Protein backbone atom coordinates (compact mmCIF):
# COMPACT_ATOMS: atom_id res chain seq x y z
CA MET A 1 -12.57 26.53 20.55
CA ARG A 2 -14.42 26.26 17.29
CA ARG A 3 -12.98 24.27 14.43
CA ASN A 4 -14.30 24.40 10.87
CA LEU A 5 -14.86 20.78 9.81
CA ILE A 6 -15.61 19.54 6.32
CA ILE A 7 -18.22 16.86 7.11
CA LEU A 8 -17.17 13.58 5.51
CA ALA A 9 -19.14 11.10 7.68
CA ASN A 10 -22.71 11.07 8.93
CA SER A 11 -23.18 7.49 10.05
CA ARG A 12 -25.98 5.73 11.90
CA LYS A 13 -25.47 4.92 15.57
CA MET A 14 -27.97 4.29 18.34
CA ARG A 15 -31.15 5.93 17.03
CA PRO A 16 -31.53 8.79 16.54
CA ASN A 17 -27.86 9.59 17.11
CA ARG A 18 -25.20 9.77 14.45
CA CYS A 19 -21.40 9.41 14.27
CA ILE A 20 -20.14 12.65 12.68
CA ALA A 21 -16.57 13.10 11.45
CA GLY A 22 -14.68 15.39 9.16
CA ILE A 23 -11.45 17.10 8.24
CA ASP A 24 -10.35 20.37 9.78
CA ALA A 25 -10.34 22.80 6.87
CA GLN A 26 -7.29 24.66 8.28
CA THR A 27 -5.03 21.82 9.43
CA GLY A 28 -6.15 18.92 7.28
CA GLU A 29 -6.53 16.77 10.44
CA TRP A 30 -9.35 14.24 10.90
CA VAL A 31 -11.73 15.03 13.78
CA ARG A 32 -14.57 12.99 15.29
CA PRO A 33 -16.76 15.09 17.58
CA CYS A 34 -17.75 13.03 20.63
CA PHE A 35 -20.78 13.52 22.84
CA GLY A 36 -20.76 12.06 26.37
CA LYS A 37 -18.75 8.86 26.55
CA GLY A 38 -18.30 8.94 22.79
CA GLU A 39 -19.98 5.60 22.03
CA GLU A 40 -23.58 6.60 21.53
CA GLY A 41 -23.07 9.12 18.75
CA VAL A 42 -24.17 12.78 18.58
CA PRO A 43 -27.87 13.53 19.29
CA TRP A 44 -30.00 15.45 16.84
CA ASP A 45 -30.46 18.47 19.07
CA VAL A 46 -26.67 18.82 19.35
CA ARG A 47 -25.64 18.21 15.77
CA GLN A 48 -28.23 20.24 13.89
CA VAL A 49 -26.90 23.04 11.69
CA ASP A 50 -29.30 25.95 11.43
CA GLY A 51 -32.16 23.50 12.12
CA ALA A 52 -31.05 20.89 9.54
CA GLU A 53 -29.07 17.65 9.44
CA PRO A 54 -25.40 18.19 8.58
CA GLN A 55 -24.71 16.89 5.05
CA LEU A 56 -21.54 15.50 3.57
CA LEU A 57 -19.24 18.24 2.30
CA ASP A 58 -20.87 20.90 4.51
CA MET A 59 -18.30 23.05 6.30
CA VAL A 60 -19.44 23.43 9.90
CA ALA A 61 -18.00 25.43 12.83
CA ILE A 62 -18.12 23.12 15.86
CA PRO A 63 -17.09 23.94 19.46
CA LEU A 64 -14.53 21.29 20.46
CA ALA A 65 -12.10 20.53 23.26
CA SER A 66 -8.55 19.36 22.58
CA ASP A 67 -9.11 16.05 24.38
CA GLY A 68 -11.57 13.19 23.81
CA PRO A 69 -12.64 9.70 24.85
CA HIS A 70 -11.21 6.37 23.51
CA ARG A 71 -8.17 7.98 22.00
CA ASP A 72 -6.21 4.74 22.40
CA VAL A 73 -8.25 3.37 19.46
CA GLN A 74 -9.74 6.56 17.94
CA PRO A 75 -7.05 9.26 18.23
CA GLU A 76 -9.13 11.71 16.17
CA ASN A 77 -11.79 11.99 18.94
CA CYS A 78 -12.51 15.44 20.34
CA ARG A 79 -15.02 16.15 23.09
CA LEU A 80 -17.89 18.41 22.16
CA LEU A 81 -18.27 21.68 24.06
CA LYS A 82 -21.53 23.55 24.57
CA GLY A 83 -22.60 25.75 21.69
CA ALA A 84 -24.51 25.63 18.41
CA TRP A 85 -23.07 24.19 15.24
CA LYS A 86 -22.85 26.83 12.53
CA GLY A 87 -22.70 26.32 8.77
CA VAL A 88 -19.81 28.30 7.25
CA GLY A 89 -19.61 27.00 3.71
CA LYS A 90 -19.58 24.03 1.37
CA ALA A 91 -16.65 22.02 -0.01
CA THR A 92 -16.57 20.15 -3.30
CA VAL A 93 -15.61 16.55 -4.00
CA LYS A 94 -12.61 17.87 -5.97
CA GLN A 95 -11.45 19.89 -2.96
CA VAL A 96 -11.55 16.94 -0.51
CA ALA A 97 -10.08 14.40 -2.94
CA LYS A 98 -6.60 15.64 -2.06
CA TYR A 99 -7.07 14.02 1.41
CA CYS A 100 -7.43 10.53 -0.07
CA GLN A 101 -5.09 7.83 1.08
CA LYS A 102 -3.15 6.82 -2.01
CA SER A 103 -1.41 3.62 -0.80
CA GLY A 104 -0.96 1.32 2.16
CA LEU A 105 -3.45 -0.78 4.10
CA ILE A 106 -6.82 0.67 4.99
CA LEU A 107 -6.82 1.23 8.78
CA HIS A 108 -3.88 -1.06 9.45
CA ASN A 109 -4.83 -4.41 7.88
CA VAL A 110 -6.85 -6.05 5.03
CA ASP A 111 -9.65 -7.37 7.23
CA ARG A 112 -12.92 -5.73 8.21
CA ARG A 113 -11.85 -5.71 11.89
CA ILE A 114 -8.75 -5.39 13.98
CA HIS A 115 -8.17 -6.66 17.50
CA VAL A 116 -7.44 -3.99 20.09
CA SER A 117 -4.11 -5.63 20.94
CA LYS A 118 -3.01 -5.38 17.30
CA LEU A 119 -4.18 -1.81 17.02
CA GLN A 120 -2.31 -0.74 20.12
CA ASN A 121 0.88 -2.26 18.67
CA VAL A 122 0.69 0.37 15.91
CA SER A 123 2.86 3.36 16.80
CA GLU A 124 0.91 6.37 18.05
CA ASN A 125 1.98 8.58 15.18
CA GLU A 126 0.68 5.99 12.69
CA ARG A 127 -2.49 4.92 14.47
CA LYS A 128 -5.77 6.19 13.01
CA SER A 129 -9.44 5.32 12.84
CA LEU A 130 -10.56 7.43 9.87
CA CYS A 131 -9.42 7.63 6.26
CA LEU A 132 -10.68 8.69 2.83
CA VAL A 133 -10.21 6.55 -0.30
CA GLN A 134 -11.15 6.82 -3.94
CA ALA A 135 -12.32 3.61 -5.61
CA ARG A 136 -14.62 1.94 -8.12
CA VAL A 137 -17.13 0.41 -5.75
CA ASP A 138 -19.48 -2.58 -6.14
CA PHE A 139 -22.52 -2.02 -3.89
CA SER A 140 -24.81 -4.85 -2.95
CA THR A 141 -27.41 -5.61 -0.28
CA GLU A 142 -28.23 -8.47 2.07
CA GLY A 143 -30.95 -9.08 4.60
CA THR A 144 -30.26 -8.69 8.32
CA TYR A 145 -32.30 -8.63 11.53
CA ARG A 146 -32.70 -4.89 11.00
CA GLY A 147 -33.97 -5.30 7.45
CA LYS A 148 -31.18 -4.45 5.03
CA ARG A 149 -27.44 -4.01 4.93
CA VAL A 150 -25.58 -2.36 2.09
CA ASN A 151 -22.06 -3.63 1.44
CA ALA A 152 -19.32 -1.81 -0.44
CA ALA A 153 -16.59 -3.96 -2.09
CA PHE A 154 -13.59 -2.34 -3.82
CA MET A 155 -9.94 -2.64 -4.65
CA HIS A 156 -7.34 -0.39 -3.05
CA GLY A 157 -3.82 -1.03 -4.08
CA SER A 158 -3.49 -4.80 -4.50
CA HIS A 159 -6.08 -5.68 -1.85
CA ARG A 160 -9.83 -6.15 -2.04
CA TYR A 161 -11.99 -4.87 0.80
CA CYS A 162 -15.63 -5.23 1.72
CA PHE A 163 -17.23 -3.14 4.46
CA PRO A 164 -20.83 -2.46 5.47
CA VAL A 165 -22.20 0.97 4.63
CA THR A 166 -23.44 3.00 7.63
CA ASP A 167 -23.75 6.34 5.82
CA TYR A 168 -27.33 6.90 6.95
CA GLU A 169 -28.68 8.67 3.91
CA TYR A 170 -26.92 6.55 1.34
CA GLU A 171 -27.98 3.31 3.05
CA ARG A 172 -31.57 4.53 3.33
CA ARG A 173 -31.84 5.44 -0.35
CA PHE A 174 -30.23 2.25 -1.66
CA PRO A 175 -32.91 -0.16 -2.97
CA ALA A 176 -33.37 -3.46 -1.13
CA TYR A 177 -31.70 -6.33 -3.06
CA GLY A 178 -30.21 -3.76 -5.38
CA THR A 179 -26.69 -3.57 -6.82
CA ALA A 180 -24.72 -0.75 -8.32
CA GLU A 181 -21.20 0.07 -9.50
CA ARG A 182 -20.00 3.61 -8.86
CA ASP A 183 -16.81 5.66 -8.71
CA CYS A 184 -16.78 7.11 -5.20
CA LEU A 185 -14.91 8.76 -2.40
CA LEU A 186 -15.47 6.62 0.72
CA THR A 187 -14.87 7.64 4.34
CA ILE A 188 -13.81 4.54 6.26
CA SER A 189 -14.27 4.60 10.01
CA LEU A 190 -13.03 2.22 12.72
CA GLY A 191 -15.47 1.79 15.60
CA THR A 192 -14.79 1.32 19.30
CA PRO A 193 -14.16 -2.25 20.52
CA TYR A 194 -17.03 -4.72 20.28
CA GLU A 195 -17.37 -6.29 23.69
CA ARG A 196 -17.79 -9.86 22.45
CA ASP A 197 -14.46 -10.13 20.72
CA ASN A 198 -12.59 -6.93 21.66
CA CYS A 199 -12.23 -6.04 18.01
CA CYS A 200 -12.76 -2.74 16.27
CA TYR A 201 -14.83 -3.01 13.09
CA LYS A 202 -14.56 -0.94 9.95
CA PHE A 203 -17.51 0.79 8.27
CA VAL A 204 -18.16 2.98 5.26
CA ALA A 205 -19.36 6.05 7.18
CA GLY A 206 -19.59 8.37 4.16
CA VAL A 207 -20.24 7.83 0.43
CA MET A 208 -19.65 10.57 -2.12
CA GLU A 209 -20.29 9.51 -5.73
CA LEU A 210 -18.03 11.08 -8.33
């Protein structure tokens, strides 16, 4: 069936694929459309909306199954079905701000990663791999083997967090060695387990400046 998703994450994966995620406009549930095994991201020819890249806050009708891969760590995953993605509207930052997490730990702890064993100790009705937060964010950059990494540091509740930004467009536009302080909505995403340490890492998969 088709679900109308408000796109809140368009994050780099294995080139040229992207991790796409959003909130079902009817139910308020988070959904991460998954192509294939769900680890490689969604290819361009699948995710295009009327010939264009889906943008944050676009409302898109996407054909999705009710099941999906890796639901033990990413319960929001839904397998993509065949069919074109169709643009059906546009949301505003004000409209999606109501979905922000107001309190509690961001994706189950204060660290930038969580071991699979710890994640699976979280009750199924509490386990999640996507959330939206509002914060005053300090952005900075550092050099990596791939050229540049943008980091987002912020307070949420009484805890300070710092996660790498994988929002493709925001990361691309951010100047190398630049810094900035902005009020933002951030989509935080928890990845699938990294094979070297069996941990799931957290990323800023969507940045919406206020």
